[in-house]
N, C-alpha and C. Protein backbone atom coordinates (compact mmCIF):
# COMPACT_ATOMS: atom_id res chain seq x y z
N MET A 1 34.68 96.79 -1.53
CA MET A 1 33.82 95.71 -1.77
C MET A 1 32.45 96.15 -2.23
N ALA A 2 32.06 97.28 -1.96
CA ALA A 2 30.77 97.76 -2.36
C ALA A 2 30.91 98.22 -3.87
N LYS A 3 32.01 98.58 -4.20
CA LYS A 3 32.30 99.09 -5.49
C LYS A 3 32.20 97.89 -6.46
N ASP A 4 32.64 96.72 -6.00
CA ASP A 4 32.63 95.47 -6.87
C ASP A 4 31.25 95.02 -7.15
N VAL A 5 30.36 95.04 -6.12
CA VAL A 5 28.99 94.74 -6.20
C VAL A 5 28.28 95.67 -7.12
N ASN A 6 28.43 97.02 -7.25
CA ASN A 6 28.11 97.92 -8.08
C ASN A 6 28.46 97.60 -9.40
N LEU A 7 29.70 97.28 -9.73
CA LEU A 7 30.23 97.08 -10.99
C LEU A 7 29.59 95.75 -11.57
N GLU A 8 29.23 94.76 -10.61
CA GLU A 8 28.81 93.47 -11.16
C GLU A 8 27.41 93.76 -11.59
N LYS A 9 26.62 94.54 -10.83
CA LYS A 9 25.26 94.85 -11.35
C LYS A 9 25.27 95.72 -12.54
N ASN A 10 26.13 96.43 -12.81
CA ASN A 10 26.07 97.21 -14.17
C ASN A 10 27.00 96.62 -15.27
N SER A 11 27.51 95.42 -15.14
CA SER A 11 28.30 94.70 -16.06
C SER A 11 27.40 94.41 -17.25
N PRO A 12 27.97 94.59 -18.52
CA PRO A 12 27.19 94.20 -19.74
C PRO A 12 26.93 92.65 -19.91
N GLU A 13 27.66 91.88 -19.23
CA GLU A 13 27.42 90.31 -19.28
C GLU A 13 26.06 90.11 -18.51
N LEU A 14 25.84 90.78 -17.24
CA LEU A 14 24.64 90.45 -16.69
C LEU A 14 23.42 91.05 -17.45
N GLU A 15 23.69 92.24 -18.05
CA GLU A 15 22.58 92.70 -18.90
C GLU A 15 22.19 91.78 -20.17
N LYS A 16 23.10 91.10 -20.71
CA LYS A 16 22.94 90.24 -21.77
C LYS A 16 21.98 88.89 -21.18
N SER A 17 22.46 88.48 -20.00
CA SER A 17 21.78 87.42 -19.47
C SER A 17 20.35 87.65 -19.10
N ASP A 18 20.33 88.98 -18.59
CA ASP A 18 18.89 89.46 -18.09
C ASP A 18 18.00 89.61 -19.39
N THR A 19 18.48 89.97 -20.37
CA THR A 19 17.64 90.09 -21.71
C THR A 19 17.32 88.69 -22.25
N LYS A 20 18.17 87.70 -22.18
CA LYS A 20 18.06 86.34 -22.53
C LYS A 20 16.96 85.75 -21.59
N SER A 21 16.90 85.98 -20.39
CA SER A 21 15.90 85.39 -19.48
C SER A 21 14.59 86.10 -19.65
N GLU A 22 14.61 87.38 -19.99
CA GLU A 22 13.37 88.10 -20.27
C GLU A 22 12.82 87.58 -21.56
N ALA A 23 13.60 87.46 -22.68
CA ALA A 23 13.09 86.83 -23.90
C ALA A 23 12.53 85.46 -23.75
N LYS A 24 13.10 84.58 -22.79
CA LYS A 24 12.72 83.32 -22.65
C LYS A 24 11.27 83.36 -21.87
N SER A 25 11.24 84.15 -20.87
CA SER A 25 10.01 84.24 -20.06
C SER A 25 8.89 84.77 -21.02
N LYS A 26 9.20 85.58 -22.04
CA LYS A 26 8.19 86.19 -22.96
C LYS A 26 7.65 84.93 -23.77
N SER A 27 8.66 84.12 -24.30
CA SER A 27 8.32 83.03 -25.13
C SER A 27 7.67 81.96 -24.36
N ASP A 28 7.92 81.84 -23.12
CA ASP A 28 7.11 80.85 -22.21
C ASP A 28 5.63 81.28 -22.12
N LYS A 29 5.51 82.62 -21.88
CA LYS A 29 4.20 83.14 -21.74
C LYS A 29 3.48 83.02 -22.94
N SER A 30 4.11 83.19 -24.08
CA SER A 30 3.30 83.10 -25.31
C SER A 30 2.82 81.64 -25.60
N SER A 31 3.48 80.77 -25.19
CA SER A 31 3.04 79.23 -25.41
C SER A 31 2.11 78.78 -24.25
N LYS A 32 1.65 79.63 -23.41
CA LYS A 32 0.79 79.32 -22.24
C LYS A 32 -0.49 80.07 -22.37
N ASP A 33 -1.56 79.49 -22.00
CA ASP A 33 -2.88 80.12 -22.11
C ASP A 33 -3.03 81.06 -20.81
N LYS A 34 -4.14 81.70 -20.57
CA LYS A 34 -4.29 82.58 -19.49
C LYS A 34 -4.14 82.08 -18.13
N GLY A 35 -4.38 80.63 -17.93
CA GLY A 35 -4.24 80.12 -16.77
C GLY A 35 -2.85 79.80 -16.24
N GLY A 36 -1.88 79.97 -17.27
CA GLY A 36 -0.53 79.78 -16.93
C GLY A 36 -0.16 78.22 -17.32
N LYS A 37 -1.10 77.59 -17.89
CA LYS A 37 -0.77 76.19 -18.24
C LYS A 37 -0.35 76.07 -19.62
N PRO A 38 0.47 75.14 -19.98
CA PRO A 38 0.86 75.00 -21.51
C PRO A 38 -0.36 74.59 -22.33
N LYS A 39 -0.37 75.15 -23.56
CA LYS A 39 -1.53 74.82 -24.44
C LYS A 39 -1.38 73.50 -24.98
N LYS A 40 -2.53 72.73 -24.86
CA LYS A 40 -2.60 71.32 -25.49
C LYS A 40 -3.38 71.31 -26.85
N LYS A 41 -2.78 70.68 -27.83
CA LYS A 41 -3.52 70.46 -28.95
C LYS A 41 -4.62 69.51 -28.85
N LYS A 42 -5.83 69.81 -29.12
CA LYS A 42 -6.94 68.86 -28.90
C LYS A 42 -7.07 67.89 -30.10
N LYS A 43 -7.08 66.71 -29.75
CA LYS A 43 -7.32 65.60 -30.77
C LYS A 43 -8.40 64.86 -30.46
N GLY A 44 -9.28 64.74 -31.36
CA GLY A 44 -10.46 63.98 -31.16
C GLY A 44 -10.31 62.49 -31.38
N ILE A 45 -11.15 61.70 -30.81
CA ILE A 45 -11.27 60.30 -30.93
C ILE A 45 -11.23 59.87 -32.45
N VAL A 46 -12.08 60.67 -33.23
CA VAL A 46 -12.30 60.35 -34.61
C VAL A 46 -10.94 60.38 -35.36
N LYS A 47 -10.16 61.39 -35.09
CA LYS A 47 -8.87 61.63 -35.70
C LYS A 47 -7.90 60.54 -35.28
N TYR A 48 -8.05 59.97 -34.17
CA TYR A 48 -7.28 58.90 -33.59
C TYR A 48 -7.45 57.67 -34.44
N PHE A 49 -8.74 57.36 -34.58
CA PHE A 49 -8.97 56.11 -35.27
C PHE A 49 -8.75 56.29 -36.86
N LYS A 50 -8.86 57.50 -37.42
CA LYS A 50 -8.44 57.66 -38.74
C LYS A 50 -6.92 57.48 -38.91
N ASP A 51 -6.16 57.98 -38.04
CA ASP A 51 -4.70 57.78 -37.95
C ASP A 51 -4.36 56.31 -37.87
N ALA A 52 -4.90 55.63 -36.98
CA ALA A 52 -4.81 54.22 -36.66
C ALA A 52 -5.02 53.36 -37.93
N LYS A 53 -6.15 53.78 -38.60
CA LYS A 53 -6.52 53.06 -39.88
C LYS A 53 -5.43 53.24 -40.89
N SER A 54 -4.96 54.51 -41.15
CA SER A 54 -3.80 54.69 -42.06
C SER A 54 -2.60 53.97 -41.71
N GLU A 55 -2.30 53.93 -40.43
CA GLU A 55 -1.21 53.09 -40.15
C GLU A 55 -1.31 51.70 -40.39
N PHE A 56 -2.47 51.10 -40.13
CA PHE A 56 -2.74 49.71 -40.46
C PHE A 56 -2.52 49.30 -41.94
N LYS A 57 -2.88 50.33 -42.83
CA LYS A 57 -2.79 50.13 -44.15
C LYS A 57 -1.17 50.02 -44.54
N LYS A 58 -0.26 50.71 -43.77
CA LYS A 58 1.13 50.57 -44.05
C LYS A 58 1.73 49.33 -43.68
N VAL A 59 1.12 48.59 -42.82
CA VAL A 59 1.68 47.31 -42.33
C VAL A 59 1.71 46.29 -43.37
N VAL A 60 2.89 45.58 -43.49
CA VAL A 60 3.01 44.48 -44.30
C VAL A 60 2.80 43.21 -43.64
N TRP A 61 1.55 42.60 -43.86
CA TRP A 61 1.24 41.41 -43.16
C TRP A 61 1.73 40.21 -43.72
N PRO A 62 2.24 39.26 -42.89
CA PRO A 62 2.81 38.06 -43.56
C PRO A 62 1.74 37.07 -44.17
N THR A 63 2.17 36.37 -45.22
CA THR A 63 1.21 35.44 -45.79
C THR A 63 1.07 34.21 -44.89
N PRO A 64 0.04 33.40 -45.09
CA PRO A 64 -0.24 32.21 -44.24
C PRO A 64 1.01 31.26 -44.31
N LYS A 65 1.64 31.18 -45.47
CA LYS A 65 2.85 30.26 -45.66
C LYS A 65 3.93 30.80 -44.72
N GLU A 66 4.23 32.14 -44.84
CA GLU A 66 5.29 32.66 -43.92
C GLU A 66 4.99 32.40 -42.35
N THR A 67 3.75 32.73 -42.05
CA THR A 67 3.31 32.55 -40.61
C THR A 67 3.48 31.04 -40.24
N THR A 68 3.23 30.15 -41.01
CA THR A 68 3.35 28.75 -40.76
C THR A 68 4.92 28.35 -40.49
N ARG A 69 5.67 28.93 -41.51
CA ARG A 69 7.05 28.51 -41.41
C ARG A 69 7.79 29.17 -40.22
N ASN A 70 7.33 30.41 -39.93
CA ASN A 70 7.83 31.06 -38.69
C ASN A 70 7.43 30.44 -37.40
N THR A 71 6.16 29.95 -37.36
CA THR A 71 5.59 29.26 -36.21
C THR A 71 6.45 27.87 -35.98
N ILE A 72 6.63 27.12 -37.07
CA ILE A 72 7.49 25.93 -37.02
C ILE A 72 8.91 26.24 -36.47
N VAL A 73 9.54 27.38 -36.89
CA VAL A 73 10.90 27.70 -36.49
C VAL A 73 10.97 27.95 -35.03
N VAL A 74 9.82 28.68 -34.62
CA VAL A 74 9.72 28.96 -33.08
C VAL A 74 9.64 27.61 -32.36
N LEU A 75 8.79 26.87 -32.75
CA LEU A 75 8.40 25.60 -31.98
C LEU A 75 9.80 24.67 -31.90
N VAL A 76 10.48 24.64 -33.04
CA VAL A 76 11.77 23.77 -33.12
C VAL A 76 12.77 24.47 -32.14
N MET A 77 12.96 25.74 -32.18
CA MET A 77 13.82 26.45 -31.26
C MET A 77 13.57 26.23 -29.84
N CYS A 78 12.27 26.15 -29.49
CA CYS A 78 11.82 25.86 -28.15
C CYS A 78 12.28 24.50 -27.77
N LEU A 79 12.02 23.53 -28.66
CA LEU A 79 12.30 22.11 -28.43
C LEU A 79 13.75 22.09 -28.19
N VAL A 80 14.58 22.61 -29.12
CA VAL A 80 16.08 22.39 -29.00
C VAL A 80 16.59 23.12 -27.67
N SER A 81 16.02 24.25 -27.36
CA SER A 81 16.40 24.80 -26.03
C SER A 81 15.96 24.04 -24.87
N ALA A 82 14.74 23.52 -24.86
CA ALA A 82 14.36 22.59 -23.75
C ALA A 82 15.23 21.33 -23.69
N LEU A 83 15.58 20.73 -24.80
CA LEU A 83 16.51 19.54 -24.69
C LEU A 83 17.78 19.95 -24.07
N ALA A 84 18.39 21.05 -24.64
CA ALA A 84 19.73 21.55 -24.08
C ALA A 84 19.66 21.84 -22.67
N ILE A 85 18.70 22.36 -22.13
CA ILE A 85 18.49 22.67 -20.66
C ILE A 85 18.29 21.33 -19.91
N PHE A 86 17.58 20.44 -20.47
CA PHE A 86 17.32 19.06 -19.90
C PHE A 86 18.75 18.33 -19.81
N GLY A 87 19.52 18.47 -20.93
CA GLY A 87 20.75 17.80 -20.99
C GLY A 87 21.70 18.30 -19.78
N LEU A 88 21.81 19.64 -19.83
CA LEU A 88 22.77 20.24 -18.85
C LEU A 88 22.25 19.98 -17.42
N ASP A 89 21.08 19.96 -17.15
CA ASP A 89 20.39 19.69 -15.79
C ASP A 89 20.84 18.26 -15.48
N SER A 90 20.57 17.39 -16.33
CA SER A 90 20.90 16.02 -16.17
C SER A 90 22.39 15.79 -15.87
N LEU A 91 23.16 16.46 -16.65
CA LEU A 91 24.65 16.42 -16.44
C LEU A 91 25.07 16.82 -15.09
N PHE A 92 24.63 18.05 -14.61
CA PHE A 92 25.01 18.61 -13.43
C PHE A 92 24.38 17.78 -12.26
N GLY A 93 23.27 17.18 -12.45
CA GLY A 93 22.72 16.26 -11.56
C GLY A 93 23.62 15.12 -11.27
N LEU A 94 24.02 14.53 -12.36
CA LEU A 94 24.96 13.32 -12.33
C LEU A 94 26.15 13.69 -11.65
N LEU A 95 26.84 14.79 -12.01
CA LEU A 95 28.04 15.28 -11.45
C LEU A 95 27.81 15.53 -10.02
N ASN A 96 26.85 16.05 -9.70
CA ASN A 96 26.49 16.40 -8.11
C ASN A 96 26.44 14.97 -7.35
N LYS A 97 25.77 14.14 -7.89
CA LYS A 97 25.41 12.81 -7.37
C LYS A 97 26.90 12.02 -7.04
N LEU A 98 27.67 12.18 -8.14
CA LEU A 98 29.00 11.58 -8.04
C LEU A 98 29.98 12.22 -7.04
N ALA A 99 29.89 13.52 -7.03
CA ALA A 99 30.82 14.23 -6.14
C ALA A 99 30.45 14.14 -4.80
N PHE A 100 29.17 14.08 -4.41
CA PHE A 100 28.79 14.15 -2.96
C PHE A 100 28.15 12.94 -2.40
N HIS A 101 28.12 11.88 -3.13
CA HIS A 101 27.52 10.58 -2.62
C HIS A 101 28.58 9.53 -2.50
């Protein structure tokens, strides 16, 4: 039994895994500062607003005509949905009244 433990300690597979874990820990240390915390890229508020401004320039804003048309479509669909729900509610209310009264 003791021979097996010694063989396992000296096996090349374990040596490979040890070197992998050592390399990983070295790379982890290189990405951390002296306090052991991961390094953070500092971004100023000015850079944030510059980036936001450049993103707003990429936005394709709808024309007033498209906005009006889309608003009308939304309102019509709301009306149709409301009427459908009202109709179903009235139908089930009538069926309930006929079935239980």
